């Protein structure tokens, strides 16, 4: 008599599954939901689809940065807030750090805080 192995059968990634993971990760779908769609455990998802999760996340980040850059190209208060956001997130600016210019120049330039 053959022994039964406990648990589910081993997951074998398919091309469709890989493409689906990239698309869903690129739409900011949580990994727990992607795992549910594929009917696998979260650990299995990360083990077999790590590259696809990373590619999807990178595509999402690139799209969001593109949107913020388009907003920053404007000339209204939304553009100013988008520029400040980019400077803080991508370049480490902080309202709690000293200004990046020399103190003698501070009388000519005003720092923008939001």
N, C-alpha and C. Protein backbone atom coordinates (compact mmCIF):
# COMPACT_ATOMS: atom_id res chain seq x y z
N UNK A 1 0.84 -1.17 0.00
CA UNK A 1 0.00 0.00 0.00
C UNK A 1 0.90 1.26 0.00
N UNK A 2 0.58 2.23 -0.84
CA UNK A 2 1.37 3.46 -0.98
C UNK A 2 1.10 4.39 0.20
N UNK A 3 2.16 5.03 0.65
CA UNK A 3 2.01 5.99 1.75
C UNK A 3 1.48 7.30 1.20
N UNK A 4 0.61 7.91 1.94
CA UNK A 4 0.11 9.24 1.57
C UNK A 4 1.02 10.29 2.20
N UNK A 5 1.39 11.27 1.41
CA UNK A 5 2.19 12.36 1.95
C UNK A 5 1.26 13.44 2.46
N UNK A 6 1.55 13.98 3.62
CA UNK A 6 0.67 15.01 4.18
C UNK A 6 0.81 16.33 3.41
N UNK A 7 -0.21 17.14 3.49
CA UNK A 7 -0.16 18.47 2.90
C UNK A 7 -0.62 18.51 1.46
N UNK A 8 -0.44 19.66 0.88
CA UNK A 8 -0.86 19.89 -0.49
C UNK A 8 0.21 19.46 -1.48
N UNK A 9 -0.17 19.28 -2.73
CA UNK A 9 0.85 18.95 -3.73
C UNK A 9 1.81 20.13 -3.95
N UNK A 10 3.00 19.83 -4.38
CA UNK A 10 4.03 20.85 -4.62
C UNK A 10 3.55 21.83 -5.70
N UNK A 11 3.80 23.13 -5.46
CA UNK A 11 3.38 24.17 -6.42
C UNK A 11 4.41 24.27 -7.54
N UNK A 12 3.93 24.27 -8.76
CA UNK A 12 4.79 24.46 -9.93
C UNK A 12 4.34 25.74 -10.63
N UNK A 13 5.21 26.78 -10.61
CA UNK A 13 4.84 28.05 -11.23
C UNK A 13 4.65 27.91 -12.74
N UNK A 14 3.65 28.62 -13.25
CA UNK A 14 3.39 28.64 -14.69
C UNK A 14 3.70 30.04 -15.24
N UNK A 15 3.80 30.13 -16.55
CA UNK A 15 4.01 31.45 -17.18
C UNK A 15 2.83 32.37 -16.90
N UNK A 16 1.61 31.82 -16.94
CA UNK A 16 0.43 32.62 -16.64
C UNK A 16 0.48 33.13 -15.21
N UNK A 17 0.86 32.26 -14.27
CA UNK A 17 0.96 32.66 -12.87
C UNK A 17 1.99 33.75 -12.67
N UNK A 18 3.12 33.63 -13.33
CA UNK A 18 4.17 34.65 -13.21
C UNK A 18 3.69 36.00 -13.74
N UNK A 19 3.03 35.95 -14.89
CA UNK A 19 2.51 37.20 -15.46
C UNK A 19 1.45 37.81 -14.54
N UNK A 20 0.58 36.97 -14.00
CA UNK A 20 -0.47 37.44 -13.11
C UNK A 20 0.11 38.10 -11.87
N UNK A 21 1.16 37.52 -11.30
CA UNK A 21 1.79 38.09 -10.11
C UNK A 21 2.38 39.46 -10.42
N UNK A 22 3.05 39.62 -11.57
CA UNK A 22 3.62 40.92 -11.94
C UNK A 22 2.51 41.95 -12.06
N UNK A 23 1.42 41.59 -12.72
CA UNK A 23 0.31 42.53 -12.92
C UNK A 23 -0.32 42.92 -11.59
N UNK A 24 -0.61 41.93 -10.75
CA UNK A 24 -1.27 42.23 -9.47
C UNK A 24 -0.36 43.01 -8.54
N UNK A 25 0.92 42.65 -8.49
CA UNK A 25 1.86 43.40 -7.65
C UNK A 25 2.02 44.82 -8.17
N UNK A 26 1.95 45.00 -9.48
CA UNK A 26 2.04 46.33 -10.09
C UNK A 26 0.82 47.18 -9.85
N UNK A 27 -0.26 46.56 -9.40
CA UNK A 27 -1.48 47.29 -9.06
C UNK A 27 -1.63 47.48 -7.55
N UNK A 28 -0.57 47.18 -6.80
CA UNK A 28 -0.52 47.34 -5.34
C UNK A 28 -1.47 46.40 -4.61
N UNK A 29 -1.73 45.24 -5.19
CA UNK A 29 -2.54 44.23 -4.51
C UNK A 29 -1.66 43.59 -3.44
N UNK A 30 -2.13 43.46 -2.20
CA UNK A 30 -1.30 42.87 -1.14
C UNK A 30 -0.92 41.42 -1.47
N UNK A 31 0.24 41.01 -0.97
CA UNK A 31 0.72 39.66 -1.24
C UNK A 31 -0.24 38.60 -0.73
N UNK A 32 -0.91 38.87 0.37
CA UNK A 32 -1.88 37.88 0.89
C UNK A 32 -3.01 37.65 -0.11
N UNK A 33 -3.44 38.71 -0.80
CA UNK A 33 -4.49 38.57 -1.80
C UNK A 33 -3.99 37.87 -3.06
N UNK A 34 -2.75 38.18 -3.46
CA UNK A 34 -2.17 37.50 -4.62
C UNK A 34 -2.05 36.01 -4.34
N UNK A 35 -1.62 35.66 -3.13
CA UNK A 35 -1.51 34.25 -2.75
C UNK A 35 -2.88 33.58 -2.79
N UNK A 36 -3.90 34.30 -2.37
CA UNK A 36 -5.26 33.74 -2.40
C UNK A 36 -5.71 33.50 -3.84
N UNK A 37 -5.40 34.42 -4.75
CA UNK A 37 -5.77 34.26 -6.15
C UNK A 37 -5.09 33.02 -6.74
N UNK A 38 -3.82 32.81 -6.39
CA UNK A 38 -3.09 31.65 -6.91
C UNK A 38 -3.36 30.37 -6.13
N UNK A 39 -4.08 30.50 -5.01
CA UNK A 39 -4.40 29.37 -4.14
C UNK A 39 -3.12 28.73 -3.58
N UNK A 40 -2.21 29.61 -3.10
CA UNK A 40 -0.99 29.15 -2.46
C UNK A 40 -0.82 29.91 -1.15
N UNK A 41 0.08 29.43 -0.33
CA UNK A 41 0.43 30.11 0.91
C UNK A 41 1.33 31.31 0.59
N UNK A 42 1.35 32.30 1.47
CA UNK A 42 2.18 33.48 1.26
C UNK A 42 3.66 33.13 1.15
N UNK A 43 4.09 32.18 1.95
CA UNK A 43 5.49 31.75 1.90
C UNK A 43 5.83 31.11 0.55
N UNK A 44 4.89 30.32 0.03
CA UNK A 44 5.07 29.71 -1.29
C UNK A 44 5.11 30.77 -2.37
N UNK A 45 4.24 31.77 -2.25
CA UNK A 45 4.24 32.88 -3.21
C UNK A 45 5.60 33.55 -3.25
N UNK A 46 6.12 33.90 -2.08
CA UNK A 46 7.40 34.60 -2.03
C UNK A 46 8.55 33.70 -2.49
N UNK A 47 8.48 32.41 -2.24
CA UNK A 47 9.54 31.50 -2.64
C UNK A 47 9.60 31.35 -4.16
N UNK A 48 8.45 31.19 -4.80
CA UNK A 48 8.42 30.90 -6.24
C UNK A 48 8.29 32.14 -7.12
N UNK A 49 7.81 33.25 -6.56
CA UNK A 49 7.51 34.43 -7.38
C UNK A 49 8.22 35.69 -6.88
N UNK A 50 9.37 35.56 -6.20
CA UNK A 50 10.06 36.73 -5.64
C UNK A 50 10.40 37.74 -6.73
N UNK A 51 10.95 37.28 -7.85
CA UNK A 51 11.32 38.20 -8.93
C UNK A 51 10.10 38.94 -9.46
N UNK A 52 8.99 38.24 -9.65
CA UNK A 52 7.78 38.86 -10.18
C UNK A 52 7.20 39.87 -9.19
N UNK A 53 7.26 39.57 -7.90
CA UNK A 53 6.79 40.52 -6.88
C UNK A 53 7.66 41.79 -6.92
N UNK A 54 8.97 41.61 -7.05
CA UNK A 54 9.87 42.77 -7.11
C UNK A 54 9.66 43.59 -8.37
N UNK A 55 9.48 42.92 -9.51
CA UNK A 55 9.26 43.64 -10.78
C UNK A 55 7.94 44.42 -10.72
N UNK A 56 6.89 43.79 -10.22
CA UNK A 56 5.60 44.47 -10.10
C UNK A 56 5.69 45.68 -9.19
N UNK A 57 6.38 45.54 -8.06
CA UNK A 57 6.53 46.67 -7.14
C UNK A 57 7.34 47.79 -7.78
N UNK A 58 8.38 47.44 -8.53
CA UNK A 58 9.20 48.46 -9.20
C UNK A 58 8.39 49.20 -10.27
N UNK A 59 7.55 48.47 -11.01
CA UNK A 59 6.70 49.12 -12.01
C UNK A 59 5.72 50.08 -11.36
N UNK A 60 5.14 49.67 -10.24
CA UNK A 60 4.22 50.54 -9.51
C UNK A 60 4.94 51.80 -9.02
N UNK A 61 6.12 51.63 -8.44
CA UNK A 61 6.87 52.78 -7.94
C UNK A 61 7.21 53.74 -9.07
N UNK A 62 7.62 53.19 -10.22
CA UNK A 62 7.96 54.04 -11.36
C UNK A 62 6.74 54.81 -11.84
N UNK A 63 5.58 54.16 -11.89
CA UNK A 63 4.36 54.84 -12.32
C UNK A 63 3.97 55.95 -11.35
N UNK A 64 4.08 55.68 -10.05
CA UNK A 64 3.73 56.70 -9.05
C UNK A 64 4.69 57.87 -9.09
N UNK A 65 5.97 57.60 -9.26
CA UNK A 65 6.94 58.69 -9.36
C UNK A 65 6.66 59.52 -10.61
N UNK A 66 6.28 58.86 -11.70
CA UNK A 66 5.92 59.58 -12.92
C UNK A 66 4.74 60.52 -12.69
N UNK A 67 3.74 60.05 -11.94
CA UNK A 67 2.58 60.91 -11.64
C UNK A 67 2.99 62.11 -10.78
N UNK A 68 3.82 61.85 -9.76
CA UNK A 68 4.25 62.95 -8.89
C UNK A 68 5.10 63.95 -9.67
N UNK A 69 5.95 63.46 -10.56
CA UNK A 69 6.76 64.37 -11.38
C UNK A 69 5.89 65.22 -12.30
N UNK A 70 4.82 64.64 -12.84
CA UNK A 70 3.91 65.44 -13.67
C UNK A 70 3.21 66.51 -12.82
N UNK A 71 2.83 66.14 -11.59
CA UNK A 71 2.23 67.13 -10.70
C UNK A 71 3.23 68.23 -10.37
N UNK A 72 4.47 67.84 -10.13
CA UNK A 72 5.50 68.82 -9.76
C UNK A 72 5.82 69.77 -10.89
N UNK A 73 5.50 69.42 -12.12
CA UNK A 73 5.78 70.29 -13.26
C UNK A 73 4.77 71.44 -13.37
N UNK A 74 3.73 71.41 -12.58
CA UNK A 74 2.73 72.48 -12.63
C UNK A 74 3.23 73.75 -11.97
N UNK A 75 2.33 74.72 -11.83
CA UNK A 75 2.73 75.98 -11.22
C UNK A 75 1.75 76.42 -10.14
N UNK A 76 1.11 75.47 -9.48
CA UNK A 76 0.16 75.79 -8.41
C UNK A 76 0.64 75.19 -7.09
N UNK A 77 -0.20 75.27 -6.06
CA UNK A 77 0.20 74.77 -4.75
C UNK A 77 0.34 73.24 -4.74
N UNK A 78 -0.37 72.54 -5.61
CA UNK A 78 -0.22 71.09 -5.72
C UNK A 78 1.19 70.76 -6.22
N UNK A 79 1.69 71.53 -7.16
CA UNK A 79 3.04 71.33 -7.67
C UNK A 79 4.07 71.55 -6.57
N UNK A 80 3.87 72.59 -5.79
CA UNK A 80 4.80 72.87 -4.70
C UNK A 80 4.80 71.73 -3.69
N UNK A 81 3.63 71.22 -3.33
CA UNK A 81 3.57 70.10 -2.39
C UNK A 81 4.19 68.84 -2.98
N UNK A 82 4.02 68.63 -4.29
CA UNK A 82 4.63 67.47 -4.94
C UNK A 82 6.15 67.58 -4.93
N UNK A 83 6.68 68.77 -5.17
CA UNK A 83 8.13 68.98 -5.14
C UNK A 83 8.66 68.73 -3.74
N UNK A 84 8.00 69.27 -2.74
CA UNK A 84 8.43 69.06 -1.35
C UNK A 84 8.39 67.58 -1.00
N UNK A 85 7.35 66.89 -1.42
CA UNK A 85 7.23 65.45 -1.18
C UNK A 85 8.40 64.70 -1.80
N UNK A 86 8.71 65.02 -3.06
CA UNK A 86 9.83 64.35 -3.74
C UNK A 86 11.15 64.63 -3.04
N UNK A 87 11.37 65.86 -2.65
CA UNK A 87 12.62 66.20 -1.98
C UNK A 87 12.76 65.47 -0.66
N UNK A 88 11.67 65.32 0.06
CA UNK A 88 11.72 64.62 1.34
C UNK A 88 11.89 63.11 1.16
N UNK A 89 11.15 62.53 0.24
CA UNK A 89 11.17 61.07 0.08
C UNK A 89 12.40 60.58 -0.67
N UNK A 90 12.73 61.22 -1.76
CA UNK A 90 13.79 60.70 -2.62
C UNK A 90 15.17 61.25 -2.27
N UNK A 91 15.22 62.43 -1.64
CA UNK A 91 16.51 63.06 -1.40
C UNK A 91 16.79 63.32 0.08
N UNK A 92 15.93 62.82 0.97
CA UNK A 92 16.19 62.88 2.39
C UNK A 92 16.03 64.24 3.04
N UNK A 93 15.35 65.15 2.39
CA UNK A 93 15.14 66.46 3.00
C UNK A 93 14.19 66.31 4.19
N UNK A 94 14.35 67.19 5.15
CA UNK A 94 13.49 67.16 6.32
C UNK A 94 13.28 68.58 6.81
N UNK A 95 12.10 68.85 7.31
CA UNK A 95 11.84 70.18 7.85
C UNK A 95 12.58 70.39 9.17
N UNK A 96 13.11 69.32 9.75
CA UNK A 96 13.79 69.41 11.04
C UNK A 96 15.30 69.56 10.90
N UNK A 97 15.82 69.47 9.68
CA UNK A 97 17.25 69.66 9.45
C UNK A 97 17.53 71.11 9.11
N UNK A 98 18.77 71.56 9.34
CA UNK A 98 19.10 72.93 8.92
C UNK A 98 19.00 73.07 7.41
N UNK A 99 18.77 74.28 6.92
CA UNK A 99 18.67 74.48 5.47
C UNK A 99 19.97 74.08 4.78
N UNK A 100 19.90 73.64 3.52
CA UNK A 100 21.10 73.19 2.82
C UNK A 100 21.99 74.32 2.33
N UNK A 101 21.60 75.57 2.50
CA UNK A 101 22.40 76.69 2.02
C UNK A 101 23.15 77.33 3.19
N UNK A 102 24.15 78.16 2.90
CA UNK A 102 24.91 78.81 3.98
C UNK A 102 24.04 79.82 4.72
N UNK A 103 24.31 80.04 6.00
CA UNK A 103 23.48 80.98 6.80
C UNK A 103 23.40 82.38 6.23
N UNK A 104 24.48 82.88 5.60
CA UNK A 104 24.44 84.25 5.07
C UNK A 104 23.48 84.37 3.89
N UNK A 105 23.16 83.28 3.22
CA UNK A 105 22.23 83.31 2.10
C UNK A 105 20.79 83.18 2.56
N UNK A 106 20.58 82.84 3.83
CA UNK A 106 19.21 82.59 4.30
C UNK A 106 18.35 83.84 4.29
N UNK A 107 18.95 85.04 4.33
CA UNK A 107 18.14 86.25 4.28
C UNK A 107 17.54 86.48 2.90
N UNK A 108 18.17 85.92 1.86
CA UNK A 108 17.65 86.09 0.50
C UNK A 108 16.65 85.00 0.11
N UNK A 109 16.75 83.85 0.74
CA UNK A 109 15.91 82.72 0.37
C UNK A 109 15.05 82.30 1.55
N UNK A 110 13.85 81.94 1.28
CA UNK A 110 12.94 81.49 2.34
C UNK A 110 12.70 80.01 2.16
N UNK A 111 12.75 79.28 3.24
CA UNK A 111 12.52 77.84 3.20
C UNK A 111 11.03 77.58 3.25
N UNK A 112 10.54 76.65 2.44
CA UNK A 112 9.12 76.33 2.36
C UNK A 112 8.85 75.13 3.25
N UNK A 113 7.95 75.28 4.21
CA UNK A 113 7.50 74.17 5.07
C UNK A 113 6.02 73.99 4.87
N UNK A 114 5.61 72.72 4.89
CA UNK A 114 4.17 72.46 4.78
C UNK A 114 3.69 71.67 5.95
